N, C-alpha and C. Protein backbone atom coordinates (compact mmCIF):
# COMPACT_ATOMS: atom_id res chain seq x y z
N UNK A 1 76.43 -36.53 96.05
CA UNK A 1 76.52 -35.66 97.22
C UNK A 1 76.08 -34.24 96.86
N UNK A 2 76.34 -33.87 95.62
CA UNK A 2 75.93 -32.55 95.17
C UNK A 2 74.42 -32.37 95.34
N UNK A 3 73.67 -33.38 94.95
CA UNK A 3 72.21 -33.31 95.04
C UNK A 3 71.75 -33.16 96.49
N UNK A 4 72.36 -33.90 97.41
CA UNK A 4 72.02 -33.80 98.83
C UNK A 4 72.35 -32.41 99.35
N UNK A 5 73.52 -31.92 99.03
CA UNK A 5 73.92 -30.58 99.49
C UNK A 5 72.95 -29.53 98.99
N UNK A 6 72.62 -29.61 97.74
CA UNK A 6 71.73 -28.63 97.12
C UNK A 6 70.32 -28.70 97.70
N UNK A 7 69.81 -29.92 97.81
CA UNK A 7 68.44 -30.11 98.31
C UNK A 7 68.31 -29.65 99.76
N UNK A 8 69.27 -30.01 100.60
CA UNK A 8 69.17 -29.61 102.00
C UNK A 8 69.36 -28.11 102.16
N UNK A 9 70.20 -27.52 101.33
CA UNK A 9 70.38 -26.07 101.38
C UNK A 9 69.07 -25.35 101.04
N UNK A 10 68.28 -25.96 100.15
CA UNK A 10 66.99 -25.38 99.75
C UNK A 10 65.87 -25.72 100.74
N UNK A 11 66.19 -26.50 101.77
CA UNK A 11 65.20 -26.82 102.80
C UNK A 11 64.42 -28.10 102.58
N UNK A 12 64.82 -28.90 101.60
CA UNK A 12 64.14 -30.17 101.36
C UNK A 12 64.63 -31.24 102.32
N UNK A 13 63.72 -32.14 102.68
CA UNK A 13 64.09 -33.29 103.49
C UNK A 13 64.62 -34.37 102.54
N UNK A 14 65.77 -34.91 102.85
CA UNK A 14 66.38 -35.92 102.00
C UNK A 14 66.36 -37.25 102.75
N UNK A 15 65.99 -38.31 102.05
CA UNK A 15 65.95 -39.65 102.60
C UNK A 15 66.92 -40.52 101.81
N UNK A 16 67.77 -41.23 102.53
CA UNK A 16 68.73 -42.14 101.91
C UNK A 16 68.34 -43.57 102.24
N UNK A 17 68.00 -44.34 101.22
CA UNK A 17 67.75 -45.78 101.39
C UNK A 17 69.11 -46.43 101.36
N UNK A 18 69.65 -46.70 102.54
CA UNK A 18 71.06 -47.02 102.70
C UNK A 18 71.35 -48.52 102.77
N UNK A 19 72.29 -48.94 101.96
CA UNK A 19 72.90 -50.26 102.10
C UNK A 19 73.98 -50.05 103.15
N UNK A 20 73.79 -50.55 104.34
CA UNK A 20 74.67 -50.23 105.47
C UNK A 20 76.13 -50.56 105.21
N UNK A 21 76.39 -51.57 104.42
CA UNK A 21 77.78 -51.98 104.19
C UNK A 21 78.55 -50.93 103.40
N UNK A 22 77.86 -50.09 102.65
CA UNK A 22 78.55 -49.06 101.87
C UNK A 22 79.29 -48.08 102.78
N UNK A 23 78.82 -47.92 104.00
CA UNK A 23 79.45 -47.00 104.94
C UNK A 23 80.88 -47.42 105.29
N UNK A 24 81.21 -48.69 105.03
CA UNK A 24 82.52 -49.23 105.37
C UNK A 24 83.41 -49.44 104.15
N UNK A 25 82.91 -49.09 102.98
CA UNK A 25 83.67 -49.30 101.75
C UNK A 25 84.78 -48.27 101.60
N UNK A 26 85.90 -48.68 101.01
CA UNK A 26 86.98 -47.71 100.74
C UNK A 26 86.46 -46.54 99.90
N UNK A 27 86.82 -45.36 100.31
CA UNK A 27 86.37 -44.15 99.62
C UNK A 27 85.08 -43.58 100.17
N UNK A 28 84.43 -44.32 101.06
CA UNK A 28 83.17 -43.86 101.64
C UNK A 28 83.29 -43.61 103.14
N UNK A 29 84.51 -43.52 103.62
CA UNK A 29 84.75 -43.39 105.06
C UNK A 29 84.07 -42.18 105.69
N UNK A 30 83.81 -41.16 104.91
CA UNK A 30 83.19 -39.94 105.43
C UNK A 30 81.68 -39.86 105.18
N UNK A 31 81.11 -40.92 104.63
CA UNK A 31 79.70 -40.88 104.25
C UNK A 31 78.77 -40.69 105.44
N UNK A 32 78.99 -41.42 106.53
CA UNK A 32 78.12 -41.28 107.71
C UNK A 32 78.16 -39.85 108.24
N UNK A 33 79.35 -39.26 108.29
CA UNK A 33 79.48 -37.88 108.76
C UNK A 33 78.76 -36.92 107.81
N UNK A 34 78.88 -37.17 106.51
CA UNK A 34 78.21 -36.35 105.51
C UNK A 34 76.69 -36.41 105.69
N UNK A 35 76.16 -37.62 105.86
CA UNK A 35 74.71 -37.78 106.04
C UNK A 35 74.25 -37.05 107.30
N UNK A 36 75.01 -37.18 108.38
CA UNK A 36 74.65 -36.50 109.62
C UNK A 36 74.73 -34.98 109.48
N UNK A 37 75.77 -34.50 108.84
CA UNK A 37 75.94 -33.06 108.65
C UNK A 37 74.75 -32.45 107.93
N UNK A 38 74.20 -33.19 106.98
CA UNK A 38 73.07 -32.69 106.18
C UNK A 38 71.72 -33.18 106.70
N UNK A 39 71.75 -33.83 107.88
CA UNK A 39 70.52 -34.31 108.53
C UNK A 39 69.66 -35.16 107.59
N UNK A 40 70.32 -36.03 106.86
CA UNK A 40 69.63 -36.93 105.94
C UNK A 40 68.98 -38.05 106.74
N UNK A 41 67.70 -38.30 106.49
CA UNK A 41 67.03 -39.43 107.12
C UNK A 41 67.56 -40.71 106.48
N UNK A 42 67.98 -41.66 107.30
CA UNK A 42 68.52 -42.91 106.79
C UNK A 42 67.49 -44.02 107.01
N UNK A 43 67.21 -44.75 105.94
CA UNK A 43 66.32 -45.90 106.00
C UNK A 43 67.16 -47.12 105.59
N UNK A 44 67.21 -48.11 106.46
CA UNK A 44 68.01 -49.30 106.19
C UNK A 44 67.27 -50.53 106.70
N UNK A 45 67.58 -51.67 106.13
CA UNK A 45 66.93 -52.89 106.57
C UNK A 45 67.84 -54.09 106.39
N UNK A 46 67.53 -55.10 107.15
CA UNK A 46 68.13 -56.42 106.98
C UNK A 46 66.97 -57.38 106.75
N UNK A 47 67.18 -58.44 105.97
CA UNK A 47 66.05 -59.34 105.70
C UNK A 47 65.65 -60.20 106.89
N UNK A 48 66.49 -60.22 107.92
CA UNK A 48 66.23 -61.06 109.09
C UNK A 48 67.11 -60.61 110.24
N UNK A 49 66.77 -60.99 111.45
CA UNK A 49 67.57 -60.66 112.63
C UNK A 49 68.68 -61.68 112.87
N UNK A 50 68.64 -62.81 112.17
CA UNK A 50 69.62 -63.87 112.37
C UNK A 50 70.79 -63.73 111.40
N UNK A 51 71.99 -63.74 111.94
CA UNK A 51 73.19 -63.58 111.12
C UNK A 51 73.26 -64.61 109.99
N UNK A 52 72.94 -65.85 110.30
CA UNK A 52 73.04 -66.90 109.28
C UNK A 52 72.08 -66.66 108.11
N UNK A 53 70.87 -66.20 108.43
CA UNK A 53 69.90 -65.92 107.36
C UNK A 53 70.34 -64.74 106.49
N UNK A 54 70.82 -63.68 107.14
CA UNK A 54 71.26 -62.50 106.39
C UNK A 54 72.43 -62.87 105.48
N UNK A 55 73.41 -63.57 106.04
CA UNK A 55 74.57 -63.93 105.24
C UNK A 55 74.21 -64.89 104.11
N UNK A 56 73.24 -65.74 104.34
CA UNK A 56 72.80 -66.66 103.29
C UNK A 56 72.16 -65.89 102.14
N UNK A 57 71.38 -64.87 102.47
CA UNK A 57 70.67 -64.10 101.45
C UNK A 57 71.54 -63.04 100.78
N UNK A 58 72.45 -62.42 101.55
CA UNK A 58 73.19 -61.26 101.03
C UNK A 58 74.69 -61.48 100.90
N UNK A 59 75.19 -62.59 101.42
CA UNK A 59 76.61 -62.89 101.29
C UNK A 59 77.31 -62.94 102.63
N UNK A 60 78.37 -63.71 102.65
CA UNK A 60 79.12 -63.91 103.90
C UNK A 60 79.64 -62.58 104.45
N UNK A 61 79.41 -62.37 105.73
CA UNK A 61 79.93 -61.19 106.40
C UNK A 61 79.04 -59.95 106.32
N UNK A 62 77.96 -60.03 105.56
CA UNK A 62 77.09 -58.85 105.39
C UNK A 62 76.41 -58.47 106.70
N UNK A 63 75.98 -59.46 107.46
CA UNK A 63 75.32 -59.14 108.74
C UNK A 63 76.27 -58.35 109.64
N UNK A 64 77.48 -58.85 109.81
CA UNK A 64 78.45 -58.19 110.69
C UNK A 64 78.78 -56.78 110.19
N UNK A 65 79.00 -56.63 108.89
CA UNK A 65 79.32 -55.30 108.34
C UNK A 65 78.13 -54.35 108.48
N UNK A 66 76.92 -54.89 108.35
CA UNK A 66 75.72 -54.07 108.51
C UNK A 66 75.60 -53.56 109.95
N UNK A 67 75.86 -54.43 110.90
CA UNK A 67 75.82 -54.02 112.31
C UNK A 67 76.88 -52.95 112.57
N UNK A 68 78.07 -53.12 112.02
CA UNK A 68 79.12 -52.11 112.17
C UNK A 68 78.68 -50.79 111.54
N UNK A 69 77.97 -50.86 110.41
CA UNK A 69 77.44 -49.65 109.77
C UNK A 69 76.42 -48.95 110.66
N UNK A 70 75.55 -49.73 111.30
CA UNK A 70 74.57 -49.15 112.24
C UNK A 70 75.28 -48.50 113.42
N UNK A 71 76.29 -49.17 113.94
CA UNK A 71 77.04 -48.61 115.06
C UNK A 71 77.74 -47.31 114.67
N UNK A 72 78.24 -47.26 113.44
CA UNK A 72 78.87 -46.04 112.95
C UNK A 72 77.85 -44.91 112.88
N UNK A 73 76.66 -45.20 112.34
CA UNK A 73 75.61 -44.19 112.30
C UNK A 73 75.25 -43.74 113.71
N UNK A 74 75.14 -44.69 114.64
CA UNK A 74 74.85 -44.35 116.05
C UNK A 74 75.90 -43.39 116.61
N UNK A 75 77.16 -43.60 116.25
CA UNK A 75 78.24 -42.75 116.77
C UNK A 75 78.12 -41.31 116.31
N UNK A 76 77.38 -41.08 115.21
CA UNK A 76 77.15 -39.71 114.73
C UNK A 76 75.82 -39.16 115.23
N UNK A 77 75.08 -39.97 115.99
CA UNK A 77 73.83 -39.50 116.57
C UNK A 77 72.58 -40.13 116.00
N UNK A 78 72.71 -40.90 114.94
CA UNK A 78 71.53 -41.58 114.38
C UNK A 78 70.97 -42.58 115.38
N UNK A 79 69.65 -42.54 115.56
CA UNK A 79 69.01 -43.44 116.51
C UNK A 79 69.14 -43.00 117.95
N UNK A 80 69.70 -41.82 118.17
CA UNK A 80 69.88 -41.29 119.51
C UNK A 80 68.80 -40.23 119.75
N UNK A 81 68.02 -40.44 120.76
CA UNK A 81 66.92 -39.52 121.07
C UNK A 81 67.44 -38.10 121.25
N UNK A 82 66.75 -37.16 120.60
CA UNK A 82 67.10 -35.76 120.73
C UNK A 82 68.18 -35.28 119.76
N UNK A 83 68.73 -36.19 118.96
CA UNK A 83 69.81 -35.79 118.03
C UNK A 83 69.27 -35.11 116.78
N UNK A 84 68.00 -35.36 116.48
CA UNK A 84 67.44 -34.80 115.25
C UNK A 84 67.81 -35.63 114.02
N UNK A 85 68.49 -36.75 114.23
CA UNK A 85 68.90 -37.61 113.11
C UNK A 85 68.05 -38.87 113.11
N UNK A 86 67.30 -39.04 112.03
CA UNK A 86 66.34 -40.14 111.93
C UNK A 86 66.97 -41.37 111.29
N UNK A 87 66.80 -42.52 111.95
CA UNK A 87 67.24 -43.80 111.43
C UNK A 87 66.06 -44.76 111.49
N UNK A 88 65.63 -45.21 110.35
CA UNK A 88 64.50 -46.15 110.25
C UNK A 88 64.94 -47.41 109.55
């Protein structure tokens, strides 16, 4: 987090290649808010749109937790037009 704070303070654009499930891990409850506060561009992906395929490749429950992570990012403005927060 120090690196993100420092880089954004200096005017650099920061990109986070995000594992969406990390947003729901204990101790990371404030991560989405932190990313939004520093206007970090978030890049995230799933290997497929089908829950069964994602869970087969990444583990049981990963699809559902990833969707919850996306919804959490949305609640802070990511993916919302005009918010200035980029989600790819």
